[in-house]
Each structure stands twice: as structure tokens, then as C-alpha cells.
Amino acid sequence: MSFGPVDPRSRPVDPDARTASFPSPSDPGGHARPSAARFLVPALVAAAVAVGLGAYGTVHDPAGTAFNLAGFSSTGAVKSWLASAALLFAVVQLVSALAMYGRLPGVGAASWTPAVHRWSGRIAFLLAVPVAVHCLYGLGYQTYDTRVMWHSLLGCFFFGAFSAKMLLLRTERLPAWLLPLVGGVVFTALTVVWLTSALWFFRTVGVTT
């Protein structure tokens, strides 16, 4: 369960391979647990990104709109359809991750599954960026009702968690459960963001471009 490319080294073929470290005098067998300090930078970056986006959206004077595309009736429609496409590709990445981790009964990972996993994550992220630009620049960080509050909060959280995920992919000797956990959190955040925005738009305005 991830969002963003999965490092092949993170695949749980051998769980001990992800937790092994160099031998030390206090650990003759070479199985010392990785220091928690290695997770500090991704956590701090995630917090900085989320808080930074929220702060910008709060102090920025909303412009009402950030962009529009020909063929769409409003920026709200553009935002909703782009968010829906991002969620669709995120689902593709989730399914491909489950296949690579052997979590789909009767379905094995094909040779092209890792490529599908990586590119679906990249496309999903690229589709989510203009949505975030419109939300922050055109609408700002708003909390006037429960739905909007959660949408604003989780929108910022999503990009922070995604940043942490990308940094963790470059980190050696991670616990086998960490990347699937962070990926699942990122996917869940994106899903709730979609539920509180695009789905609400389609139910209120209608499924229209």
C-alpha cells in the first residue's frame, strides 16, 4: 500500500534483510535495530511541508481561481476531475503494490508490475499538484465547516506524508513494515481528501465537466 515508487529493496522477500545492520561490539551477531534518528529527517520534512502549506493557505488572500481548462464549466469541475484521476492512479498503485507484496490471492506480480507501480504513483502525484495549487492559491486554508476543515487539514498532511515517503525510499535498512504503513497513510489521506472535495462536488453540482 503505497503512493510513490516502491524501492525494490523494500519488498519483503526477506524481512531480516530490511532490519539488518553492521555488526557492533554490543551486537556481535550484526542484528542491531536501525537508529530512530534515521527517521527524524523524513518526519521533520513532512511536518515542515504540511505546516508550510497550511501557513501559506492561511495568510494568502484567496484569489478565487488559480487556473481553468478549456471544456470545463468551472475551476471546481477541473479540480474535481483531476482529483478523481489522481485517486484512480493511486488505486492502480495500491493494487500493484499488493501484487508485489504477494497480498493478492492467486495473483502474482508480473515483470512489468514494478514499472506500473512507479509510473502510476508519479502520474497520480502530478495530477494532484494542480489541485493543490488551486486549493491553496484560489481558496486558501479554510475551516468554516467540518468537511472543509478536514479537507484543508488532510490536503496539507497528504503532501507532507508523501514527502516523507519519498525520503524513506532512499533510506537503507528500514523495517519491512514501514514503507507499506506510510504508503497506506498517504493513500488514505488522498482518499479522504477526494471524499471531502470531488465527491462532494459531484453530489452537489452533478457529474459534469
N, C-alpha and C. Protein backbone atom coordinates (compact mmCIF):
# COMPACT_ATOMS: atom_id res chain seq x y z
N MET A 1 0.85 -1.18 0.00
CA MET A 1 0.00 0.00 0.00
C MET A 1 0.89 1.23 0.00
N SER A 2 0.99 1.86 -1.16
CA SER A 2 1.91 2.97 -1.21
C SER A 2 1.43 4.00 -2.18
N PHE A 3 2.14 5.09 -2.16
CA PHE A 3 1.88 6.17 -3.10
C PHE A 3 3.22 6.75 -3.44
N GLY A 4 3.68 6.54 -4.65
CA GLY A 4 5.04 6.86 -4.98
C GLY A 4 5.80 5.57 -5.22
N PRO A 5 6.90 5.61 -5.96
CA PRO A 5 7.61 4.38 -6.31
C PRO A 5 8.08 3.61 -5.09
N VAL A 6 7.99 2.32 -5.18
CA VAL A 6 8.48 1.47 -4.10
C VAL A 6 9.87 1.01 -4.46
N ASP A 7 10.81 1.22 -3.58
CA ASP A 7 12.17 0.75 -3.78
C ASP A 7 12.16 -0.77 -3.76
N PRO A 8 12.70 -1.42 -4.82
CA PRO A 8 12.69 -2.89 -4.83
C PRO A 8 13.32 -3.49 -3.59
N ARG A 9 14.25 -2.74 -2.96
CA ARG A 9 14.88 -3.27 -1.75
C ARG A 9 13.91 -3.36 -0.60
N SER A 10 12.76 -2.67 -0.72
CA SER A 10 11.80 -2.68 0.39
C SER A 10 10.83 -3.85 0.31
N ARG A 11 10.89 -4.61 -0.78
CA ARG A 11 9.98 -5.73 -0.92
C ARG A 11 10.30 -6.77 0.14
N PRO A 12 9.28 -7.28 0.82
CA PRO A 12 9.51 -8.15 1.97
C PRO A 12 9.83 -9.59 1.60
N VAL A 13 10.83 -9.77 0.70
CA VAL A 13 11.22 -11.12 0.35
C VAL A 13 11.91 -11.77 1.55
N ASP A 14 12.78 -11.00 2.19
CA ASP A 14 13.48 -11.48 3.36
C ASP A 14 13.38 -10.41 4.43
N PRO A 15 12.44 -10.53 5.39
CA PRO A 15 12.24 -9.48 6.38
C PRO A 15 13.51 -9.11 7.13
N ASP A 16 14.40 -10.09 7.37
CA ASP A 16 15.62 -9.79 8.11
C ASP A 16 16.55 -8.87 7.33
N ALA A 17 16.41 -8.90 5.99
CA ALA A 17 17.30 -8.08 5.17
C ALA A 17 17.02 -6.60 5.36
N ARG A 18 15.80 -6.25 5.76
CA ARG A 18 15.46 -4.84 5.93
C ARG A 18 15.86 -4.34 7.30
N THR A 19 16.07 -5.21 8.24
CA THR A 19 16.38 -4.76 9.58
C THR A 19 17.83 -5.03 9.96
N ALA A 20 18.58 -5.68 9.07
CA ALA A 20 19.97 -5.99 9.39
C ALA A 20 20.80 -4.73 9.39
N SER A 21 21.86 -4.71 10.21
CA SER A 21 22.78 -3.58 10.25
C SER A 21 24.18 -4.11 10.45
N PHE A 22 25.16 -3.20 10.40
CA PHE A 22 26.53 -3.64 10.55
C PHE A 22 26.77 -4.13 11.98
N PRO A 23 27.60 -5.14 12.12
CA PRO A 23 27.89 -5.65 13.45
C PRO A 23 28.55 -4.58 14.31
N SER A 24 28.32 -4.65 15.60
CA SER A 24 28.93 -3.73 16.54
C SER A 24 29.34 -4.52 17.76
N PRO A 25 30.22 -3.95 18.59
CA PRO A 25 30.66 -4.68 19.78
C PRO A 25 29.51 -5.11 20.66
N SER A 26 28.45 -4.27 20.70
CA SER A 26 27.30 -4.61 21.55
C SER A 26 26.35 -5.56 20.86
N ASP A 27 26.61 -5.84 19.58
CA ASP A 27 25.72 -6.72 18.81
C ASP A 27 26.58 -7.60 17.92
N PRO A 28 27.24 -8.60 18.47
CA PRO A 28 28.16 -9.44 17.68
C PRO A 28 27.48 -10.10 16.50
N GLY A 29 26.20 -10.37 16.59
CA GLY A 29 25.52 -11.06 15.50
C GLY A 29 25.17 -10.17 14.34
N GLY A 30 25.35 -8.84 14.47
CA GLY A 30 25.05 -7.95 13.35
C GLY A 30 23.58 -7.72 13.14
N HIS A 31 22.75 -7.77 14.22
CA HIS A 31 21.32 -7.58 14.06
C HIS A 31 20.81 -6.40 14.88
N ALA A 32 21.61 -5.37 15.03
CA ALA A 32 21.17 -4.19 15.76
C ALA A 32 20.03 -3.51 15.03
N ARG A 33 19.10 -2.99 15.77
CA ARG A 33 17.99 -2.30 15.16
C ARG A 33 18.44 -0.94 14.63
N PRO A 34 17.88 -0.48 13.49
CA PRO A 34 18.28 0.81 12.95
C PRO A 34 17.92 1.92 13.93
N SER A 35 18.80 2.91 14.00
CA SER A 35 18.58 4.02 14.92
C SER A 35 17.35 4.81 14.52
N ALA A 36 16.62 5.26 15.53
CA ALA A 36 15.42 6.07 15.26
C ALA A 36 15.79 7.40 14.65
N ALA A 37 17.07 7.81 14.78
CA ALA A 37 17.50 9.10 14.23
C ALA A 37 17.34 9.14 12.72
N ARG A 38 17.43 7.98 12.05
CA ARG A 38 17.31 7.96 10.59
C ARG A 38 15.90 8.34 10.14
N PHE A 39 14.93 8.25 11.04
CA PHE A 39 13.56 8.61 10.68
C PHE A 39 13.24 10.07 11.02
N LEU A 40 14.18 10.74 11.68
CA LEU A 40 13.92 12.10 12.14
C LEU A 40 13.80 13.08 10.98
N VAL A 41 14.72 12.98 10.01
CA VAL A 41 14.70 13.91 8.88
C VAL A 41 13.41 13.78 8.07
N PRO A 42 12.98 12.56 7.66
CA PRO A 42 11.70 12.46 6.94
C PRO A 42 10.53 13.00 7.75
N ALA A 43 10.54 12.76 9.07
CA ALA A 43 9.44 13.26 9.90
C ALA A 43 9.44 14.78 9.96
N LEU A 44 10.63 15.37 10.10
CA LEU A 44 10.73 16.83 10.16
C LEU A 44 10.35 17.47 8.82
N VAL A 45 10.78 16.84 7.73
CA VAL A 45 10.41 17.36 6.41
C VAL A 45 8.91 17.28 6.20
N ALA A 46 8.30 16.17 6.61
CA ALA A 46 6.84 16.01 6.48
C ALA A 46 6.12 17.11 7.25
N ALA A 47 6.57 17.36 8.48
CA ALA A 47 5.94 18.39 9.30
C ALA A 47 6.13 19.77 8.69
N ALA A 48 7.35 20.04 8.17
CA ALA A 48 7.63 21.35 7.57
C ALA A 48 6.77 21.59 6.33
N VAL A 49 6.63 20.56 5.49
CA VAL A 49 5.83 20.70 4.27
C VAL A 49 4.36 20.94 4.62
N ALA A 50 3.82 20.12 5.53
CA ALA A 50 2.41 20.24 5.90
C ALA A 50 2.12 21.59 6.55
N VAL A 51 2.95 21.97 7.51
CA VAL A 51 2.74 23.24 8.20
C VAL A 51 2.97 24.42 7.26
N GLY A 52 3.99 24.31 6.39
CA GLY A 52 4.25 25.38 5.44
C GLY A 52 3.09 25.62 4.49
N LEU A 53 2.52 24.54 3.96
CA LEU A 53 1.38 24.67 3.07
C LEU A 53 0.18 25.27 3.80
N GLY A 54 -0.05 24.78 5.03
CA GLY A 54 -1.17 25.32 5.80
C GLY A 54 -0.98 26.79 6.13
N ALA A 55 0.25 27.18 6.46
CA ALA A 55 0.52 28.57 6.79
C ALA A 55 0.32 29.47 5.57
N TYR A 56 0.81 29.00 4.41
CA TYR A 56 0.62 29.79 3.19
C TYR A 56 -0.86 29.95 2.87
N GLY A 57 -1.60 28.85 2.95
CA GLY A 57 -3.03 28.92 2.65
C GLY A 57 -3.79 29.81 3.62
N THR A 58 -3.27 29.95 4.85
CA THR A 58 -3.94 30.77 5.85
C THR A 58 -3.68 32.26 5.63
N VAL A 59 -2.42 32.62 5.35
CA VAL A 59 -2.07 34.04 5.23
C VAL A 59 -2.33 34.59 3.83
N HIS A 60 -2.40 33.72 2.84
CA HIS A 60 -2.61 34.18 1.46
C HIS A 60 -4.05 34.63 1.27
N ASP A 61 -4.21 35.74 0.58
CA ASP A 61 -5.55 36.25 0.26
C ASP A 61 -6.09 35.45 -0.93
N PRO A 62 -7.13 34.61 -0.74
CA PRO A 62 -7.62 33.75 -1.82
C PRO A 62 -7.96 34.54 -3.08
N ALA A 63 -7.48 34.03 -4.21
CA ALA A 63 -7.73 34.70 -5.48
C ALA A 63 -9.04 34.27 -6.12
N GLY A 64 -9.66 33.22 -5.60
CA GLY A 64 -10.93 32.75 -6.15
C GLY A 64 -10.73 31.69 -7.21
N THR A 65 -9.66 31.81 -7.99
CA THR A 65 -9.36 30.81 -9.01
C THR A 65 -7.87 30.82 -9.27
N ALA A 66 -7.34 29.68 -9.67
CA ALA A 66 -5.91 29.59 -9.96
C ALA A 66 -5.68 29.21 -11.42
N PHE A 67 -6.58 28.46 -12.02
CA PHE A 67 -6.43 28.04 -13.40
C PHE A 67 -7.77 27.52 -13.90
N ASN A 68 -7.85 27.33 -15.18
CA ASN A 68 -9.03 26.70 -15.78
C ASN A 68 -8.57 25.99 -17.04
N LEU A 69 -9.35 25.03 -17.47
CA LEU A 69 -9.05 24.30 -18.68
C LEU A 69 -10.23 24.38 -19.63
N ALA A 70 -9.93 24.51 -20.91
CA ALA A 70 -10.99 24.57 -21.91
C ALA A 70 -11.82 23.30 -21.87
N GLY A 71 -13.13 23.47 -21.97
CA GLY A 71 -14.03 22.33 -21.96
C GLY A 71 -14.65 22.05 -20.62
N PHE A 72 -14.17 22.72 -19.57
CA PHE A 72 -14.73 22.55 -18.23
C PHE A 72 -15.55 23.79 -17.86
N SER A 73 -16.62 23.55 -17.14
CA SER A 73 -17.55 24.64 -16.81
C SER A 73 -17.03 25.54 -15.71
N SER A 74 -16.14 25.04 -14.87
CA SER A 74 -15.64 25.82 -13.75
C SER A 74 -14.34 25.24 -13.25
N THR A 75 -13.63 26.03 -12.44
CA THR A 75 -12.40 25.51 -11.84
C THR A 75 -12.73 24.39 -10.84
N GLY A 76 -13.93 24.45 -10.25
CA GLY A 76 -14.34 23.37 -9.35
C GLY A 76 -14.44 22.05 -10.09
N ALA A 77 -14.94 22.09 -11.31
CA ALA A 77 -15.04 20.87 -12.12
C ALA A 77 -13.66 20.36 -12.49
N VAL A 78 -12.77 21.27 -12.88
CA VAL A 78 -11.40 20.87 -13.22
C VAL A 78 -10.74 20.20 -12.01
N LYS A 79 -10.85 20.84 -10.87
CA LYS A 79 -10.25 20.33 -9.65
C LYS A 79 -10.81 18.95 -9.30
N SER A 80 -12.11 18.77 -9.43
CA SER A 80 -12.74 17.51 -9.05
C SER A 80 -12.33 16.37 -9.97
N TRP A 81 -12.26 16.65 -11.27
CA TRP A 81 -11.89 15.59 -12.20
C TRP A 81 -10.41 15.24 -12.11
N LEU A 82 -9.56 16.25 -11.90
CA LEU A 82 -8.14 15.96 -11.72
C LEU A 82 -7.92 15.14 -10.45
N ALA A 83 -8.63 15.49 -9.37
CA ALA A 83 -8.52 14.74 -8.13
C ALA A 83 -9.01 13.31 -8.31
N SER A 84 -10.07 13.14 -9.08
CA SER A 84 -10.59 11.79 -9.33
C SER A 84 -9.60 10.96 -10.13
N ALA A 85 -8.96 11.59 -11.13
CA ALA A 85 -7.95 10.88 -11.91
C ALA A 85 -6.76 10.50 -11.04
N ALA A 86 -6.36 11.41 -10.14
CA ALA A 86 -5.26 11.11 -9.23
C ALA A 86 -5.60 9.92 -8.33
N LEU A 87 -6.81 9.90 -7.82
CA LEU A 87 -7.22 8.78 -6.97
C LEU A 87 -7.25 7.48 -7.76
N LEU A 88 -7.68 7.52 -9.00
CA LEU A 88 -7.72 6.32 -9.84
C LEU A 88 -6.32 5.73 -10.01
N PHE A 89 -5.34 6.59 -10.32
CA PHE A 89 -3.98 6.10 -10.47
C PHE A 89 -3.41 5.63 -9.14
N ALA A 90 -3.84 6.26 -8.04
CA ALA A 90 -3.40 5.81 -6.72
C ALA A 90 -3.94 4.42 -6.43
N VAL A 91 -5.16 4.12 -6.86
CA VAL A 91 -5.72 2.78 -6.69
C VAL A 91 -4.91 1.77 -7.51
N VAL A 92 -4.53 2.16 -8.74
CA VAL A 92 -3.68 1.28 -9.56
C VAL A 92 -2.38 0.99 -8.83
N GLN A 93 -1.80 2.00 -8.21
CA GLN A 93 -0.56 1.78 -7.49
C GLN A 93 -0.76 0.91 -6.26
N LEU A 94 -1.88 1.10 -5.58
CA LEU A 94 -2.18 0.26 -4.43
C LEU A 94 -2.29 -1.21 -4.83
N VAL A 95 -3.03 -1.49 -5.90
CA VAL A 95 -3.20 -2.87 -6.36
C VAL A 95 -1.86 -3.46 -6.80
N SER A 96 -1.05 -2.68 -7.51
CA SER A 96 0.25 -3.19 -7.96
C SER A 96 1.17 -3.45 -6.76
N ALA A 97 1.08 -2.62 -5.72
CA ALA A 97 1.88 -2.84 -4.52
C ALA A 97 1.45 -4.13 -3.82
N LEU A 98 0.15 -4.34 -3.72
CA LEU A 98 -0.35 -5.58 -3.11
C LEU A 98 0.13 -6.80 -3.89
N ALA A 99 0.16 -6.68 -5.21
CA ALA A 99 0.65 -7.80 -6.03
C ALA A 99 2.12 -8.06 -5.77
N MET A 100 2.93 -7.00 -5.67
CA MET A 100 4.36 -7.18 -5.44
C MET A 100 4.64 -7.75 -4.05
N TYR A 101 3.80 -7.41 -3.09
CA TYR A 101 3.97 -7.92 -1.73
C TYR A 101 3.30 -9.28 -1.53
N GLY A 102 2.70 -9.81 -2.60
CA GLY A 102 2.08 -11.12 -2.51
C GLY A 102 0.82 -11.14 -1.68
N ARG A 103 0.09 -10.02 -1.67
CA ARG A 103 -1.12 -9.90 -0.86
C ARG A 103 -2.40 -10.08 -1.66
N LEU A 104 -2.29 -10.43 -2.93
CA LEU A 104 -3.47 -10.68 -3.75
C LEU A 104 -3.56 -12.18 -4.00
N PRO A 105 -4.50 -12.88 -3.39
CA PRO A 105 -4.61 -14.34 -3.55
C PRO A 105 -4.76 -14.73 -5.01
N GLY A 106 -3.90 -15.61 -5.44
CA GLY A 106 -3.98 -16.12 -6.80
C GLY A 106 -3.43 -15.19 -7.86
N VAL A 107 -2.90 -14.04 -7.45
CA VAL A 107 -2.37 -13.08 -8.42
C VAL A 107 -0.92 -12.81 -8.07
N GLY A 108 -0.03 -13.10 -9.00
CA GLY A 108 1.39 -12.84 -8.79
C GLY A 108 1.81 -11.57 -9.49
N ALA A 109 2.97 -11.07 -9.11
CA ALA A 109 3.50 -9.87 -9.74
C ALA A 109 4.17 -10.23 -11.05
N ALA A 110 3.76 -9.56 -12.13
CA ALA A 110 4.39 -9.76 -13.43
C ALA A 110 5.67 -8.94 -13.51
N SER A 111 6.43 -9.15 -14.57
CA SER A 111 7.69 -8.42 -14.72
C SER A 111 7.47 -6.92 -14.87
N TRP A 112 6.29 -6.55 -15.40
CA TRP A 112 6.01 -5.13 -15.62
C TRP A 112 5.30 -4.48 -14.44
N THR A 113 4.98 -5.25 -13.40
CA THR A 113 4.25 -4.68 -12.26
C THR A 113 5.01 -3.55 -11.56
N PRO A 114 6.32 -3.68 -11.29
CA PRO A 114 7.04 -2.57 -10.66
C PRO A 114 6.99 -1.28 -11.48
N ALA A 115 7.06 -1.39 -12.81
CA ALA A 115 7.00 -0.20 -13.66
C ALA A 115 5.63 0.44 -13.57
N VAL A 116 4.58 -0.38 -13.58
CA VAL A 116 3.23 0.15 -13.43
C VAL A 116 3.09 0.85 -12.08
N HIS A 117 3.67 0.24 -11.06
CA HIS A 117 3.59 0.80 -9.72
C HIS A 117 4.26 2.17 -9.67
N ARG A 118 5.46 2.27 -10.21
CA ARG A 118 6.19 3.53 -10.17
C ARG A 118 5.48 4.62 -10.97
N TRP A 119 5.09 4.31 -12.19
CA TRP A 119 4.52 5.34 -13.06
C TRP A 119 3.11 5.75 -12.63
N SER A 120 2.34 4.83 -12.09
CA SER A 120 1.01 5.21 -11.60
C SER A 120 1.14 6.19 -10.43
N GLY A 121 2.16 5.98 -9.58
CA GLY A 121 2.38 6.90 -8.47
C GLY A 121 2.82 8.27 -8.95
N ARG A 122 3.71 8.29 -9.93
CA ARG A 122 4.18 9.57 -10.48
C ARG A 122 3.04 10.35 -11.12
N ILE A 123 2.22 9.65 -11.90
CA ILE A 123 1.11 10.32 -12.57
C ILE A 123 0.10 10.84 -11.56
N ALA A 124 -0.19 10.03 -10.55
CA ALA A 124 -1.13 10.46 -9.51
C ALA A 124 -0.63 11.72 -8.82
N PHE A 125 0.66 11.77 -8.50
CA PHE A 125 1.21 12.96 -7.85
C PHE A 125 1.13 14.18 -8.76
N LEU A 126 1.50 14.01 -10.02
CA LEU A 126 1.45 15.14 -10.95
C LEU A 126 0.03 15.66 -11.13
N LEU A 127 -0.96 14.78 -11.09
CA LEU A 127 -2.35 15.21 -11.19
C LEU A 127 -2.79 15.93 -9.92
N ALA A 128 -2.23 15.54 -8.79
CA ALA A 128 -2.62 16.16 -7.52
C ALA A 128 -2.03 17.55 -7.33
N VAL A 129 -0.91 17.84 -7.98
CA VAL A 129 -0.25 19.14 -7.79
C VAL A 129 -1.13 20.31 -8.22
N PRO A 130 -1.70 20.33 -9.45
CA PRO A 130 -2.56 21.47 -9.81
C PRO A 130 -3.79 21.58 -8.92
N VAL A 131 -4.28 20.47 -8.38
CA VAL A 131 -5.40 20.53 -7.44
C VAL A 131 -4.98 21.29 -6.19
N ALA A 132 -3.78 20.98 -5.69
CA ALA A 132 -3.28 21.67 -4.50
C ALA A 132 -3.05 23.15 -4.78
N VAL A 133 -2.54 23.46 -5.97
CA VAL A 133 -2.31 24.87 -6.34
C VAL A 133 -3.63 25.64 -6.32
N HIS A 134 -4.66 25.03 -6.89
CA HIS A 134 -5.96 25.71 -6.90
C HIS A 134 -6.50 25.88 -5.48
N CYS A 135 -6.37 24.83 -4.66
CA CYS A 135 -6.89 24.91 -3.29
C CYS A 135 -6.18 26.00 -2.49
N LEU A 136 -4.85 26.03 -2.56
CA LEU A 136 -4.10 26.97 -1.74
C LEU A 136 -4.17 28.39 -2.29
N TYR A 137 -3.99 28.55 -3.60
CA TYR A 137 -3.95 29.89 -4.19
C TYR A 137 -5.34 30.46 -4.40
N GLY A 138 -6.25 29.61 -4.88
CA GLY A 138 -7.58 30.11 -5.20
C GLY A 138 -8.53 30.15 -4.02
N LEU A 139 -8.40 29.20 -3.09
CA LEU A 139 -9.35 29.08 -1.99
C LEU A 139 -8.73 29.33 -0.62
N GLY A 140 -7.48 28.96 -0.44
CA GLY A 140 -6.82 29.14 0.85
C GLY A 140 -7.19 28.04 1.84
N TYR A 141 -6.58 28.11 3.01
CA TYR A 141 -6.85 27.15 4.09
C TYR A 141 -8.09 27.61 4.84
N GLN A 142 -9.18 26.82 4.73
CA GLN A 142 -10.46 27.24 5.31
C GLN A 142 -10.97 26.21 6.31
N THR A 143 -11.71 26.69 7.28
CA THR A 143 -12.23 25.81 8.33
C THR A 143 -13.66 26.18 8.71
N TYR A 144 -14.43 26.72 7.77
CA TYR A 144 -15.76 27.23 8.13
C TYR A 144 -16.79 26.14 8.39
N ASP A 145 -16.51 24.89 8.00
CA ASP A 145 -17.36 23.78 8.43
C ASP A 145 -16.51 22.52 8.52
N THR A 146 -17.09 21.45 9.04
CA THR A 146 -16.31 20.24 9.32
C THR A 146 -15.71 19.65 8.06
N ARG A 147 -16.48 19.57 6.98
CA ARG A 147 -15.97 18.98 5.74
C ARG A 147 -14.78 19.77 5.22
N VAL A 148 -14.91 21.07 5.16
CA VAL A 148 -13.84 21.91 4.63
C VAL A 148 -12.62 21.87 5.54
N MET A 149 -12.85 21.81 6.83
CA MET A 149 -11.73 21.75 7.78
C MET A 149 -10.90 20.48 7.54
N TRP A 150 -11.56 19.33 7.44
CA TRP A 150 -10.84 18.09 7.22
C TRP A 150 -10.17 18.07 5.86
N HIS A 151 -10.82 18.65 4.86
CA HIS A 151 -10.23 18.71 3.53
C HIS A 151 -8.94 19.53 3.55
N SER A 152 -8.97 20.69 4.18
CA SER A 152 -7.78 21.54 4.27
C SER A 152 -6.68 20.86 5.06
N LEU A 153 -7.04 20.29 6.19
CA LEU A 153 -6.06 19.65 7.07
C LEU A 153 -5.39 18.47 6.38
N LEU A 154 -6.19 17.56 5.81
CA LEU A 154 -5.63 16.36 5.20
C LEU A 154 -4.95 16.64 3.86
N GLY A 155 -5.37 17.71 3.19
CA GLY A 155 -4.67 18.10 1.97
C GLY A 155 -3.23 18.46 2.26
N CYS A 156 -3.00 19.25 3.31
CA CYS A 156 -1.64 19.60 3.71
C CYS A 156 -0.90 18.37 4.24
N PHE A 157 -1.61 17.55 5.02
CA PHE A 157 -1.00 16.34 5.58
C PHE A 157 -0.56 15.40 4.47
N PHE A 158 -1.35 15.28 3.42
CA PHE A 158 -1.02 14.38 2.31
C PHE A 158 0.33 14.71 1.70
N PHE A 159 0.56 15.98 1.39
CA PHE A 159 1.83 16.36 0.76
C PHE A 159 3.00 16.22 1.72
N GLY A 160 2.76 16.44 3.01
CA GLY A 160 3.81 16.21 3.99
C GLY A 160 4.16 14.74 4.08
N ALA A 161 3.14 13.88 4.17
CA ALA A 161 3.38 12.43 4.26
C ALA A 161 4.02 11.90 2.99
N PHE A 162 3.62 12.43 1.85
CA PHE A 162 4.21 12.00 0.58
C PHE A 162 5.69 12.36 0.54
N SER A 163 6.05 13.53 1.03
CA SER A 163 7.46 13.94 1.08
C SER A 163 8.27 12.98 1.95
N ALA A 164 7.70 12.61 3.10
CA ALA A 164 8.38 11.65 3.98
C ALA A 164 8.56 10.31 3.28
N LYS A 165 7.55 9.87 2.56
CA LYS A 165 7.62 8.59 1.85
C LYS A 165 8.76 8.59 0.83
N MET A 166 8.90 9.69 0.09
CA MET A 166 9.96 9.76 -0.91
C MET A 166 11.35 9.72 -0.26
N LEU A 167 11.50 10.35 0.89
CA LEU A 167 12.78 10.32 1.59
C LEU A 167 13.06 8.93 2.16
N LEU A 168 12.04 8.28 2.66
CA LEU A 168 12.23 6.94 3.23
C LEU A 168 12.63 5.93 2.16
N LEU A 169 12.21 6.16 0.93
CA LEU A 169 12.60 5.26 -0.15
C LEU A 169 14.10 5.24 -0.38
N ARG A 170 14.78 6.32 0.03
CA ARG A 170 16.22 6.42 -0.15
C ARG A 170 16.99 6.03 1.12
N THR A 171 16.27 5.53 2.11
CA THR A 171 16.89 5.18 3.38
C THR A 171 17.16 3.69 3.45
N GLU A 172 18.36 3.33 3.88
CA GLU A 172 18.74 1.93 3.97
C GLU A 172 18.22 1.29 5.26
N ARG A 173 18.07 -0.03 5.22
CA ARG A 173 17.77 -0.86 6.38
C ARG A 173 16.51 -0.43 7.12
N LEU A 174 15.45 -0.18 6.38
CA LEU A 174 14.18 0.15 7.02
C LEU A 174 13.48 -1.11 7.48
N PRO A 175 12.69 -1.03 8.54
CA PRO A 175 11.84 -2.18 8.90
C PRO A 175 10.91 -2.51 7.75
N ALA A 176 10.64 -3.77 7.53
CA ALA A 176 9.84 -4.20 6.38
C ALA A 176 8.44 -3.62 6.40
N TRP A 177 7.91 -3.27 7.58
CA TRP A 177 6.53 -2.80 7.68
C TRP A 177 6.39 -1.30 7.45
N LEU A 178 7.53 -0.56 7.45
CA LEU A 178 7.43 0.90 7.50
C LEU A 178 6.89 1.50 6.21
N LEU A 179 7.48 1.13 5.06
CA LEU A 179 7.02 1.71 3.79
C LEU A 179 5.56 1.37 3.48
N PRO A 180 5.14 0.11 3.66
CA PRO A 180 3.70 -0.16 3.45
C PRO A 180 2.81 0.67 4.38
N LEU A 181 3.25 0.88 5.61
CA LEU A 181 2.46 1.68 6.55
C LEU A 181 2.36 3.12 6.10
N VAL A 182 3.49 3.72 5.75
CA VAL A 182 3.48 5.12 5.32
C VAL A 182 2.71 5.26 4.01
N GLY A 183 2.91 4.30 3.09
CA GLY A 183 2.16 4.34 1.84
C GLY A 183 0.66 4.24 2.06
N GLY A 184 0.26 3.38 3.00
CA GLY A 184 -1.17 3.27 3.32
C GLY A 184 -1.73 4.55 3.90
N VAL A 185 -0.93 5.23 4.73
CA VAL A 185 -1.36 6.50 5.30
C VAL A 185 -1.54 7.55 4.20
N VAL A 186 -0.59 7.58 3.27
CA VAL A 186 -0.68 8.54 2.17
C VAL A 186 -1.91 8.26 1.31
N PHE A 187 -2.14 6.99 0.99
CA PHE A 187 -3.31 6.63 0.18
C PHE A 187 -4.60 6.98 0.91
N THR A 188 -4.67 6.70 2.20
CA THR A 188 -5.87 7.01 2.97
C THR A 188 -6.12 8.50 3.01
N ALA A 189 -5.06 9.29 3.18
CA ALA A 189 -5.22 10.75 3.20
C ALA A 189 -5.77 11.25 1.87
N LEU A 190 -5.23 10.73 0.76
CA LEU A 190 -5.71 11.14 -0.55
C LEU A 190 -7.17 10.77 -0.74
N THR A 191 -7.55 9.59 -0.28
CA THR A 191 -8.94 9.15 -0.40
C THR A 191 -9.89 10.06 0.35
N VAL A 192 -9.53 10.43 1.57
CA VAL A 192 -10.39 11.31 2.36
C VAL A 192 -10.44 12.71 1.74
N VAL A 193 -9.31 13.17 1.21
CA VAL A 193 -9.29 14.46 0.51
C VAL A 193 -10.27 14.43 -0.66
N TRP A 194 -10.28 13.32 -1.41
CA TRP A 194 -11.21 13.19 -2.53
C TRP A 194 -12.65 13.14 -2.04
N LEU A 195 -12.91 12.40 -0.99
CA LEU A 195 -14.28 12.28 -0.46
C LEU A 195 -14.84 13.63 -0.01
N THR A 196 -13.96 14.48 0.54
CA THR A 196 -14.42 15.76 1.08
C THR A 196 -14.37 16.88 0.05
N SER A 197 -14.01 16.56 -1.18
CA SER A 197 -13.95 17.60 -2.21
C SER A 197 -14.64 17.15 -3.50
N ALA A 198 -14.01 16.27 -4.25
CA ALA A 198 -14.55 15.86 -5.54
C ALA A 198 -15.90 15.16 -5.39
N LEU A 199 -15.98 14.19 -4.47
CA LEU A 199 -17.25 13.50 -4.29
C LEU A 199 -18.34 14.47 -3.87
N TRP A 200 -18.02 15.37 -2.94
CA TRP A 200 -18.98 16.38 -2.52
C TRP A 200 -19.41 17.24 -3.70
N PHE A 201 -18.48 17.62 -4.56
CA PHE A 201 -18.79 18.44 -5.74
C PHE A 201 -19.73 17.70 -6.67
N PHE A 202 -19.42 16.43 -6.96
CA PHE A 202 -20.25 15.65 -7.88
C PHE A 202 -21.66 15.44 -7.32
N ARG A 203 -21.76 15.24 -6.01
CA ARG A 203 -23.08 15.04 -5.39
C ARG A 203 -23.87 16.34 -5.29
N THR A 204 -23.18 17.46 -5.19
CA THR A 204 -23.85 18.75 -5.03
C THR A 204 -24.16 19.41 -6.37
N VAL A 205 -23.17 19.45 -7.24
CA VAL A 205 -23.32 20.13 -8.52
C VAL A 205 -23.75 19.17 -9.62
N GLY A 206 -23.30 17.94 -9.52
CA GLY A 206 -23.58 16.94 -10.54
C GLY A 206 -22.33 16.51 -11.25
N VAL A 207 -22.36 15.35 -11.84
CA VAL A 207 -21.21 14.83 -12.60
C VAL A 207 -21.21 15.50 -13.94
N THR A 208 -20.49 16.61 -14.01
CA THR A 208 -20.44 17.41 -15.22
C THR A 208 -19.05 17.99 -15.40
N THR A 209 -18.72 18.28 -16.63
CA THR A 209 -17.45 18.96 -16.89
C THR A 209 -17.69 20.45 -17.05
